Protein backbone atom coordinates (compact mmCIF):
# COMPACT_ATOMS: atom_id res chain seq x y z
CA UNK A 1 -41.99 -38.59 91.35
CA UNK A 2 -40.62 -41.62 89.43
CA UNK A 3 -39.53 -41.08 86.34
CA UNK A 4 -40.20 -44.17 83.45
CA UNK A 5 -37.27 -45.08 81.13
CA UNK A 6 -37.81 -47.40 78.37
CA UNK A 7 -34.88 -48.70 75.90
CA UNK A 8 -35.61 -51.13 73.26
CA UNK A 9 -33.23 -52.73 70.97
CA UNK A 10 -34.38 -54.70 67.70
CA UNK A 11 -33.15 -58.41 67.29
CA UNK A 12 -32.01 -58.88 64.13
CA UNK A 13 -28.37 -59.70 64.41
CA UNK A 14 -25.18 -59.95 67.08
CA UNK A 15 -24.28 -56.92 69.46
CA UNK A 16 -21.42 -54.88 68.97
CA UNK A 17 -19.23 -52.30 70.92
CA UNK A 18 -21.02 -49.42 69.39
CA UNK A 19 -24.33 -50.74 70.83
CA UNK A 20 -23.00 -51.35 73.91
CA UNK A 21 -21.31 -47.72 74.48
CA UNK A 22 -24.29 -46.38 72.57
CA UNK A 23 -27.74 -47.59 74.60
CA UNK A 24 -26.67 -51.01 76.76
CA UNK A 25 -24.02 -49.09 79.22
CA UNK A 26 -25.91 -45.93 79.66
CA UNK A 27 -29.57 -47.40 79.85
CA UNK A 28 -28.44 -49.74 82.80
CA UNK A 29 -26.36 -47.32 84.74
CA UNK A 30 -29.45 -45.24 84.28
CA UNK A 31 -31.68 -48.12 86.03
CA UNK A 32 -29.79 -48.10 89.30
CA UNK A 33 -31.12 -44.39 90.13
CA UNK A 34 -33.44 -45.06 92.75
CA UNK A 35 -36.34 -42.36 91.27
CA UNK A 36 -36.28 -44.55 88.00
CA UNK A 37 -38.48 -47.37 86.68
CA UNK A 38 -36.95 -49.34 83.95
CA UNK A 39 -38.14 -50.74 81.41
CA UNK A 40 -35.72 -52.85 78.75
CA UNK A 41 -37.41 -54.91 75.36
CA UNK A 42 -36.36 -56.78 72.56
CA UNK A 43 -38.37 -55.92 69.96
CA UNK A 44 -38.90 -59.01 67.87
CA UNK A 45 -41.97 -57.68 66.29
CA UNK A 46 -40.10 -54.74 64.73
CA UNK A 47 -37.33 -57.52 63.57
CA UNK A 48 -39.68 -58.88 61.20
CA UNK A 49 -39.71 -55.63 58.68
CA UNK A 50 -36.22 -56.61 57.99
CA UNK A 51 -35.59 -60.36 58.80
CA UNK A 52 -38.07 -63.53 57.48
CA UNK A 53 -35.13 -66.07 58.83
CA UNK A 54 -36.96 -67.25 61.92
CA UNK A 55 -33.70 -69.02 63.21
CA UNK A 56 -32.04 -65.68 63.05
CA UNK A 57 -34.28 -63.66 64.89
CA UNK A 58 -34.22 -66.78 67.71
CA UNK A 59 -30.90 -66.39 67.84
CA UNK A 60 -30.88 -62.60 68.07
CA UNK A 61 -33.12 -62.59 70.58
CA UNK A 62 -30.99 -65.03 73.16
CA UNK A 63 -27.50 -63.44 72.29
CA UNK A 64 -29.60 -59.73 72.90
CA UNK A 65 -30.92 -60.68 76.43
CA UNK A 66 -27.42 -62.57 77.19
CA UNK A 67 -25.91 -59.53 76.66
CA UNK A 68 -27.93 -57.09 78.66
CA UNK A 69 -28.04 -59.86 81.70
CA UNK A 70 -24.42 -60.35 81.41
CA UNK A 71 -23.64 -56.27 81.08
CA UNK A 72 -25.13 -55.86 84.75
CA UNK A 73 -29.08 -55.77 84.03
CA UNK A 74 -31.01 -56.31 87.06
CA UNK A 75 -34.00 -58.12 86.43
CA UNK A 76 -35.23 -57.47 89.85
CA UNK A 77 -35.23 -53.88 89.89
CA UNK A 78 -36.62 -53.40 86.26
CA UNK A 79 -38.87 -54.45 83.95
CA UNK A 80 -37.46 -56.76 81.12
CA UNK A 81 -38.99 -58.56 78.23
CA UNK A 82 -39.46 -59.32 74.75
CA UNK A 83 -42.01 -57.44 72.70
CA UNK A 84 -44.08 -60.07 71.25
CA UNK A 85 -44.87 -61.52 74.55
CA UNK A 86 -46.92 -58.54 75.21
CA UNK A 87 -50.03 -58.67 72.91
CA UNK A 88 -51.31 -55.28 74.29
CA UNK A 89 -48.67 -53.78 72.13
CA UNK A 90 -49.82 -54.67 68.79
CA UNK A 91 -53.55 -54.00 69.81
CA UNK A 92 -52.75 -50.35 70.50
CA UNK A 93 -50.41 -49.76 67.61
CA UNK A 94 -53.65 -50.65 65.66
CA UNK A 95 -55.87 -48.34 67.81
CA UNK A 96 -52.99 -45.32 67.26
CA UNK A 97 -52.79 -46.44 63.78
CA UNK A 98 -56.48 -45.47 63.07
CA UNK A 99 -55.79 -42.03 64.36
CA UNK A 100 -52.40 -41.32 62.80
CA UNK A 101 -52.38 -39.46 59.78
CA UNK A 102 -51.15 -40.83 56.12
CA UNK A 103 -49.10 -38.02 55.39
CA UNK A 104 -47.54 -37.91 58.31
CA UNK A 105 -46.01 -41.94 58.18
CA UNK A 106 -45.22 -40.31 54.11
CA UNK A 107 -42.62 -37.81 55.80
CA UNK A 108 -41.01 -40.76 58.15
CA UNK A 109 -37.18 -41.04 57.30
CA UNK A 110 -36.69 -44.77 56.81
CA UNK A 111 -39.82 -44.69 54.02
CA UNK A 112 -38.56 -41.38 52.77
CA UNK A 113 -34.81 -42.80 52.16
CA UNK A 114 -36.36 -46.50 50.78
CA UNK A 115 -38.59 -44.41 48.17
CA UNK A 116 -36.19 -42.06 47.11
CA UNK A 117 -33.45 -45.12 46.73
CA UNK A 118 -36.22 -46.94 44.37
CA UNK A 119 -36.48 -43.71 42.23
CA UNK A 120 -33.02 -43.23 42.00
CA UNK A 121 -32.33 -46.77 41.09
CA UNK A 122 -35.53 -46.46 38.19
CA UNK A 123 -37.79 -48.49 39.90
CA UNK A 124 -41.14 -48.96 41.26
CA UNK A 125 -41.53 -46.12 44.19
CA UNK A 126 -42.75 -48.74 46.33
CA UNK A 127 -40.35 -51.51 45.72
CA UNK A 128 -39.68 -53.90 48.59
CA UNK A 129 -41.60 -51.39 50.61
CA UNK A 130 -43.49 -53.41 53.45
CA UNK A 131 -46.25 -51.74 55.42
CA UNK A 132 -44.30 -52.80 58.75
CA UNK A 133 -41.55 -50.49 57.28
CA UNK A 134 -44.17 -47.41 56.29
CA UNK A 135 -46.16 -48.39 59.51
CA UNK A 136 -42.65 -48.60 61.85
CA UNK A 137 -42.97 -45.54 63.72
CA UNK A 138 -46.74 -45.97 64.69
CA UNK A 139 -45.69 -49.83 66.65
CA UNK A 140 -42.49 -47.78 68.04
CA UNK A 141 -44.86 -45.00 69.87
CA UNK A 142 -47.37 -48.13 71.23
CA UNK A 143 -43.84 -49.46 72.56
CA UNK A 144 -43.48 -45.99 74.76
CA UNK A 145 -46.85 -45.06 75.21
CA UNK A 146 -48.27 -48.77 76.19
CA UNK A 147 -45.87 -47.96 79.78
CA UNK A 148 -46.05 -44.25 79.30
CA UNK A 149 -42.22 -43.98 79.45
CA UNK A 150 -41.21 -40.24 80.53
CA UNK A 151 -37.63 -40.57 78.43
CA UNK A 152 -36.24 -42.93 75.90
CA UNK A 153 -33.04 -43.01 74.78
CA UNK A 154 -32.51 -42.51 71.17
CA UNK A 155 -29.84 -42.40 68.18
CA UNK A 156 -30.22 -38.92 66.26
CA UNK A 157 -32.05 -40.89 63.62
CA UNK A 158 -34.93 -42.19 65.82
CA UNK A 159 -35.65 -38.52 67.47
CA UNK A 160 -38.17 -37.89 64.61
CA UNK A 161 -40.29 -41.01 65.53
CA UNK A 162 -40.31 -39.93 68.84
CA UNK A 163 -41.85 -36.69 67.72
CA UNK A 164 -44.76 -39.10 65.54
CA UNK A 165 -44.91 -40.24 69.04
CA UNK A 166 -45.95 -37.49 70.46
CA UNK A 167 -48.06 -35.93 67.83
CA UNK A 168 -50.26 -39.19 68.00
CA UNK A 169 -49.97 -39.31 72.03
CA UNK A 170 -51.73 -35.85 71.68
CA UNK A 171 -54.14 -36.66 68.93
CA UNK A 172 -55.61 -39.70 70.80
CA UNK A 173 -55.82 -37.88 74.05
CA UNK A 174 -57.41 -35.29 71.89
CA UNK A 175 -60.21 -37.89 70.26
CA UNK A 176 -60.80 -40.10 73.73
CA UNK A 177 -59.66 -38.44 77.00
CA UNK A 178 -60.31 -35.54 78.98
CA UNK A 179 -58.01 -32.75 79.76
CA UNK A 180 -57.98 -34.11 83.67
CA UNK A 181 -56.88 -37.96 82.85
CA UNK A 182 -54.99 -37.90 79.54
CA UNK A 183 -53.92 -41.18 78.58
CA UNK A 184 -50.89 -40.74 77.40
CA UNK A 185 -47.81 -38.54 78.80
CA UNK A 186 -45.60 -37.02 76.41
CA UNK A 187 -42.30 -39.31 75.97
CA UNK A 188 -38.88 -36.97 75.92
CA UNK A 189 -36.26 -38.36 73.55
CA UNK A 190 -32.84 -38.54 75.19
CA UNK A 191 -29.89 -38.90 72.96
CA UNK A 192 -26.01 -39.65 74.35
CA UNK A 193 -24.23 -36.76 71.98
CA UNK A 194 -20.68 -38.50 73.80
CA UNK A 195 -21.10 -41.50 72.40
CA UNK A 196 -23.80 -41.74 70.39
CA UNK A 197 -22.19 -42.41 67.54
CA UNK A 198 -19.29 -44.27 68.00
CA UNK A 199 -16.92 -44.88 65.06
CA UNK A 200 -16.06 -48.21 63.46
CA UNK A 201 -12.91 -49.21 61.91
CA UNK A 202 -12.96 -47.37 58.88
CA UNK A 203 -14.23 -43.44 60.55
CA UNK A 204 -17.73 -43.71 60.12
CA UNK A 205 -20.73 -44.94 61.96
CA UNK A 206 -19.84 -48.65 63.63
CA UNK A 207 -22.41 -50.41 61.92
CA UNK A 208 -22.77 -54.09 60.46
CA UNK A 209 -23.82 -53.05 57.55
CA UNK A 210 -20.17 -51.30 56.92
CA UNK A 211 -18.54 -54.14 58.08
CA UNK A 212 -16.66 -52.12 60.33
CA UNK A 213 -17.97 -53.39 63.76
CA UNK A 214 -15.72 -54.65 66.70
CA UNK A 215 -17.93 -57.04 68.50
CA UNK A 216 -18.64 -56.90 71.79
CA UNK A 217 -18.65 -60.96 73.50
CA UNK A 218 -19.02 -63.41 70.55
CA UNK A 219 -15.35 -64.48 69.55
CA UNK A 220 -14.07 -63.57 72.81
CA UNK A 221 -11.16 -61.44 73.39
CA UNK A 222 -9.43 -62.74 70.21
CA UNK A 223 -12.18 -61.09 68.08
CA UNK A 224 -11.60 -57.81 69.64
CA UNK A 225 -7.86 -57.58 69.18
CA UNK A 226 -8.54 -58.82 65.41
CA UNK A 227 -10.76 -55.84 64.83
CA UNK A 228 -8.75 -53.20 66.45
CA UNK A 229 -5.62 -54.28 64.17
CA UNK A 230 -7.86 -53.38 61.05
CA UNK A 231 -8.87 -50.05 62.84
CA UNK A 232 -7.40 -47.28 60.09
CA UNK A 233 -4.52 -44.79 60.76
CA UNK A 234 -1.63 -42.82 59.02
CA UNK A 235 1.57 -43.78 57.48
CA UNK A 236 3.32 -42.49 60.70
CA UNK A 237 5.78 -44.10 62.13
CA UNK A 238 6.25 -44.64 65.99
CA UNK A 239 8.26 -41.43 66.86
CA UNK A 240 6.33 -39.10 64.60
CA UNK A 241 3.64 -37.05 66.03
CA UNK A 242 -0.08 -38.12 65.27
CA UNK A 243 -2.57 -36.42 65.13
CA UNK A 244 -5.21 -38.32 67.29
CA UNK A 245 -8.32 -36.73 65.67
CA UNK A 246 -7.07 -38.82 62.35
CA UNK A 247 -8.30 -41.81 63.25
CA UNK A 248 -11.22 -44.24 65.47
CA UNK A 249 -8.84 -45.39 67.83
CA UNK A 250 -9.14 -42.03 70.16
CA UNK A 251 -12.67 -42.04 70.12
CA UNK A 252 -12.87 -45.33 70.55
CA UNK A 253 -10.41 -45.30 73.35
CA UNK A 254 -12.28 -42.39 75.21
CA UNK A 255 -15.66 -44.19 75.20
CA UNK A 256 -13.47 -46.96 77.59
CA UNK A 257 -11.05 -44.39 79.70
CA UNK A 258 -11.83 -41.73 82.55
CA UNK A 259 -11.39 -38.53 81.27
CA UNK A 260 -7.25 -37.66 82.66
CA UNK A 261 -7.04 -41.56 80.52
CA UNK A 262 -8.12 -40.03 77.39
CA UNK A 263 -6.48 -36.45 77.69
CA UNK A 264 -2.94 -39.14 78.48
CA UNK A 265 -3.94 -41.34 75.46
CA UNK A 266 -4.09 -37.89 72.96
CA UNK A 267 -0.79 -36.59 74.63
CA UNK A 268 0.87 -39.89 74.30
CA UNK A 269 -0.19 -39.93 70.31
CA UNK A 270 1.06 -36.53 69.94
CA UNK A 271 4.47 -37.41 71.17
CA UNK A 272 4.98 -40.12 68.87
CA UNK A 273 2.94 -43.02 70.33
CA UNK A 274 3.26 -46.18 67.78
CA UNK A 275 -0.14 -46.86 66.20
CA UNK A 276 0.71 -50.81 67.20
CA UNK A 277 1.45 -49.69 70.64
CA UNK A 278 -1.95 -47.30 70.59
CA UNK A 279 -4.29 -50.57 69.42
CA UNK A 280 -2.57 -52.24 72.29
CA UNK A 281 -3.81 -49.50 75.47
CA UNK A 282 -7.06 -49.66 73.25
CA UNK A 283 -7.54 -53.05 73.16
CA UNK A 284 -6.66 -53.42 77.25
CA UNK A 285 -8.64 -50.60 78.23
CA UNK A 286 -12.13 -52.32 76.08
CA UNK A 287 -11.39 -55.48 77.86
CA UNK A 288 -10.64 -54.14 81.07
CA UNK A 289 -14.55 -53.21 80.73
CA UNK A 290 -15.80 -56.35 78.97
CA UNK A 291 -13.82 -59.59 79.59
CA UNK A 292 -15.60 -59.80 83.28
CA UNK A 293 -18.52 -59.92 81.56
CA UNK A 294 -17.89 -62.62 79.00
CA UNK A 295 -17.98 -65.52 81.69
CA UNK A 296 -21.44 -64.12 82.96
CA UNK A 297 -22.58 -63.97 79.05
CA UNK A 298 -21.14 -67.71 78.23
CA UNK A 299 -22.97 -69.31 80.84
CA UNK A 300 -26.18 -67.62 79.76
CA UNK A 301 -25.53 -68.84 76.27
CA UNK A 302 -25.28 -72.26 77.23
CA UNK A 303 -28.75 -72.20 79.55
CA UNK A 304 -31.47 -70.75 77.30
CA UNK A 305 -33.98 -71.60 79.88
CA UNK A 306 -32.76 -69.67 82.69
CA UNK A 307 -33.11 -66.41 80.27
CA UNK A 308 -36.46 -67.81 79.30
CA UNK A 309 -37.58 -68.07 82.51
CA UNK A 310 -36.67 -64.11 83.64
CA UNK A 311 -38.28 -63.06 80.38
CA UNK A 312 -41.25 -64.55 81.32
CA UNK A 313 -41.33 -62.78 84.33
CA UNK A 314 -40.76 -59.50 82.60
CA UNK A 315 -43.64 -60.37 80.99
CA UNK A 316 -45.54 -60.58 83.50
CA UNK A 317 -44.91 -58.03 85.38
CA UNK A 318 -44.91 -55.93 81.56
CA UNK A 319 -48.75 -57.13 81.23
CA UNK A 320 -49.77 -56.48 85.25
CA UNK A 321 -49.50 -52.66 84.08
CA UNK A 322 -50.41 -52.79 79.91
CA UNK A 323 -53.82 -55.35 80.53
CA UNK A 324 -55.67 -52.73 82.71
CA UNK A 325 -54.14 -50.02 80.96
CA UNK A 326 -55.80 -51.24 77.78
CA UNK A 327 -58.94 -52.27 79.44
CA UNK A 328 -59.12 -48.14 79.50
CA UNK A 329 -58.08 -47.68 75.86
CA UNK A 330 -60.22 -49.71 74.80
CA UNK A 331 -62.99 -48.58 77.39
CA UNK A 332 -62.62 -45.17 76.06
């Protein structure tokens, strides 16, 4: 049996090392398995929830497409598309909206967090909350259920949305499908517990909102080295034993090293390796993997027409599945 795996990334900014380790690399590796059919998409409809700057979204779409292709995504093996090129997705989203309880959406983490923040700041509870934010989990459900993905790699903060997608799918099947021929399979969340949350320069989760990221391709090797130089460490001098878990350096190193290399790195820190030398070793390990991809990324960014051709072919393949499926849904 072929397993369908679906992965999407929001198009509101440039990608960083955390995105690569936590989502892009494992998803591309999984796509090489012979019994896997992979769907990769740029969530540019989701992007409109946070960003109304068309130039930023367009630039982000280009950068993310180039990043995935440079990182080894093979568009001949996978279905690679822009969310907005598949009009059946928002149509399915509306149909799912009509069978989803408002109370279920009230419990969504992102909405609850925005609501609570407004209350704490003595503002109107719904200040700044759009229906896009409120209905985000339903559009995410449509992304997944349109292609009946069996597995969806997600961060821990997205597990609730997968559970909601399952609930919505169950409700829709109950109303409109037969037991012998359900419309939707139940998607399963796949969480990489090893590198799912990569620490940033200050030890917190690597995130643009914390301004603690290591860039992936933008700025080249120089930008990576400069970011690594800013990683927080303690004041222990070269020669003094160091706690490998006292800094983000170790987790970042482990994300790009073999288990044996990671063990040796920890031992060297405990034996007194200087922080400057440790940062240089980290840079060399990251550059060993990222460096060869950078030329391909820059070539793609200089040729957006090539990216567009690939995405249009991906949309054609995606719609070959979506159009007949939605005909069945509409018929029901």
